[in-house]
Protein backbone atom coordinates (compact mmCIF):
# COMPACT_ATOMS: atom_id res chain seq x y z
CA MET A 1 -46.80 -13.80 -43.28
CA THR A 2 -46.91 -10.21 -42.13
CA GLY A 3 -49.81 -8.26 -40.79
CA SER A 4 -50.88 -5.16 -38.93
CA PHE A 5 -52.44 -5.34 -35.48
CA THR A 6 -54.68 -2.66 -34.04
CA ALA A 7 -53.75 -0.72 -30.91
CA ALA A 8 -53.93 -2.31 -27.45
CA HIS A 9 -57.38 -3.51 -26.47
CA ALA A 10 -59.19 -5.32 -23.68
CA HIS A 11 -59.58 -8.72 -25.39
CA PRO A 12 -57.05 -11.39 -26.42
CA TYR A 13 -57.63 -10.92 -30.15
CA SER A 14 -57.19 -8.21 -32.74
CA PRO A 15 -60.26 -6.07 -33.45
CA ALA A 16 -58.89 -5.85 -37.01
CA PHE A 17 -56.01 -7.66 -38.69
CA GLU A 18 -54.66 -6.84 -42.14
CA VAL A 19 -52.58 -9.14 -44.30
CA ALA A 20 -51.91 -9.24 -48.06
CA GLY A 21 -54.51 -6.57 -48.74
CA PHE A 22 -57.26 -8.29 -46.75
CA THR A 23 -58.60 -6.97 -43.45
CA PHE A 24 -60.40 -9.34 -41.12
CA VAL A 25 -62.57 -7.48 -38.64
CA SER A 26 -63.69 -9.16 -35.43
CA GLY A 27 -67.32 -8.76 -34.47
CA ALA A 28 -68.41 -5.17 -33.86
CA LEU A 29 -71.24 -5.06 -31.32
CA SER A 30 -74.26 -2.77 -31.13
CA VAL A 31 -72.81 -0.79 -28.23
CA ASP A 32 -72.06 2.88 -27.78
CA GLU A 33 -68.57 4.38 -27.40
CA ASN A 34 -68.60 3.35 -23.71
CA GLY A 35 -69.49 -0.28 -24.39
CA VAL A 36 -73.13 0.05 -23.33
CA ALA A 37 -75.71 -1.84 -25.39
CA VAL A 38 -77.78 0.46 -27.62
CA ALA A 39 -81.58 0.15 -27.41
CA GLY A 40 -83.80 0.26 -30.49
CA ARG A 41 -83.61 -1.84 -33.61
CA ARG A 42 -82.39 0.77 -36.10
CA GLU A 43 -80.15 2.34 -33.46
CA ALA A 44 -78.53 -1.04 -32.76
CA LEU A 45 -77.80 -1.58 -36.46
CA ALA A 46 -76.28 1.90 -36.73
CA ALA A 47 -74.18 1.40 -33.59
CA ALA A 48 -72.75 -1.93 -34.77
CA MET A 49 -71.89 -0.38 -38.15
CA ALA A 50 -70.23 2.59 -36.40
CA ARG A 51 -68.09 0.21 -34.31
CA LEU A 52 -67.22 -1.72 -37.49
CA GLU A 53 -66.16 1.49 -39.20
CA GLU A 54 -63.97 2.40 -36.20
CA ARG A 55 -62.28 -0.99 -36.28
CA LEU A 56 -61.59 -0.70 -40.00
CA ALA A 57 -60.10 2.76 -39.47
CA THR A 58 -57.52 1.37 -37.00
CA VAL A 59 -55.76 -0.29 -39.95
CA GLY A 60 -56.51 2.45 -42.48
CA GLY A 61 -59.60 0.79 -43.91
CA ARG A 62 -63.02 2.16 -44.82
CA LEU A 63 -66.50 0.77 -45.28
CA THR A 64 -65.96 1.07 -49.03
CA ASP A 65 -63.31 -1.65 -48.70
CA VAL A 66 -65.74 -4.23 -47.28
CA VAL A 67 -66.37 -7.28 -49.49
CA LYS A 68 -68.20 -9.58 -47.02
CA THR A 69 -70.11 -9.15 -43.77
CA THR A 70 -71.60 -11.59 -41.32
CA TYR A 71 -74.41 -10.36 -39.09
CA PHE A 72 -75.19 -12.13 -35.82
CA VAL A 73 -78.54 -11.01 -34.40
CA THR A 74 -80.59 -11.99 -31.37
CA ASP A 75 -83.82 -11.44 -33.33
CA VAL A 76 -83.99 -12.62 -36.94
CA THR A 77 -87.06 -10.45 -37.55
CA LEU A 78 -84.52 -7.61 -37.75
CA ARG A 79 -83.69 -8.79 -41.28
CA ASP A 80 -85.89 -6.32 -43.17
CA GLU A 81 -84.53 -3.35 -41.20
CA ALA A 82 -81.00 -4.70 -41.67
CA ASN A 83 -81.60 -4.88 -45.44
CA THR A 84 -82.78 -1.26 -45.49
CA HIS A 85 -79.79 -0.15 -43.41
CA TYR A 86 -77.37 -2.18 -45.57
CA SER A 87 -78.74 -0.56 -48.72
CA ALA A 88 -78.23 2.89 -47.18
CA VAL A 89 -74.65 2.17 -46.08
CA PHE A 90 -73.33 0.21 -49.06
CA ALA A 91 -73.76 1.20 -52.71
CA GLU A 92 -73.99 -1.31 -55.56
CA PRO A 93 -72.33 -3.66 -55.90
CA ARG A 94 -72.94 -4.38 -52.22
CA PRO A 95 -70.71 -6.71 -50.22
CA ALA A 96 -71.77 -10.32 -49.77
CA ARG A 97 -73.58 -10.90 -46.48
CA SER A 98 -74.66 -13.68 -44.14
CA PHE A 99 -77.39 -13.15 -41.52
CA ILE A 100 -77.37 -15.53 -38.55
CA GLY A 101 -79.69 -15.74 -35.54
CA VAL A 102 -78.06 -16.36 -32.15
CA ASP A 103 -79.37 -16.77 -28.59
CA SER A 104 -77.34 -13.93 -27.10
CA LEU A 105 -74.39 -11.60 -27.65
CA PRO A 106 -71.85 -10.11 -25.23
CA TYR A 107 -72.71 -7.04 -23.14
CA GLY A 108 -76.41 -7.36 -23.93
CA ALA A 109 -75.90 -6.31 -27.56
CA THR A 110 -78.50 -7.37 -30.13
CA VAL A 111 -76.35 -7.06 -33.28
CA GLU A 112 -72.76 -8.05 -34.06
CA ILE A 113 -71.14 -7.51 -37.46
CA GLU A 114 -67.96 -9.21 -38.67
CA ALA A 115 -66.37 -8.14 -41.93
CA ILE A 116 -63.74 -8.95 -44.48
CA ALA A 117 -62.36 -6.01 -46.42
CA TYR A 118 -59.88 -5.79 -49.27
CA ARG A 119 -57.53 -3.04 -50.38
CA THR A 120 -54.85 -3.40 -53.02
CA PRO A 121 -51.62 -3.81 -51.05
CA SER A 122 -49.73 -0.50 -50.96
CA SER A 123 -46.47 -2.37 -51.57
CA ALA A 124 -47.73 -2.95 -55.11
CA GLY A 125 -47.76 0.80 -55.63
CA ASN A 126 -51.51 0.89 -56.21
CA THR A 127 -53.69 2.60 -53.60
CA GLU A 128 -56.99 2.26 -55.48
CA GLN A 129 -59.90 1.53 -53.15
CA ARG A 130 -62.36 -1.25 -54.00
CA GLY A 131 -66.08 -0.48 -53.76
CA THR A 132 -68.11 2.69 -53.61
CA LEU A 133 -70.24 4.39 -51.01
């Protein structure tokens, strides 16, 4: 098995790991570029998605490659706003999604998004991207 790791980071896991065309993205928190929790419901959703997009980019991925997300939220009443945000970020057909309530998240974040993305392996000579945005 071969894979691509992201650049050095502060935690003992890869923010994103790519193997056989799949990219597995560790949870992206609703924090700003300095790791500070973002206040506001819509702002937290946007921040977590921005961190997810950054993690995907470290292995050459894009949001259009995402096929599955898992949201962890400290307030499940965020679901309607998350649905609106998801519809704005992802075009049809949208990735599959799970939405899970949790007691707390690291650094005081209120949203964490994990993702699985897929791109046709470049070794196959096909660079077509899956999904649209």
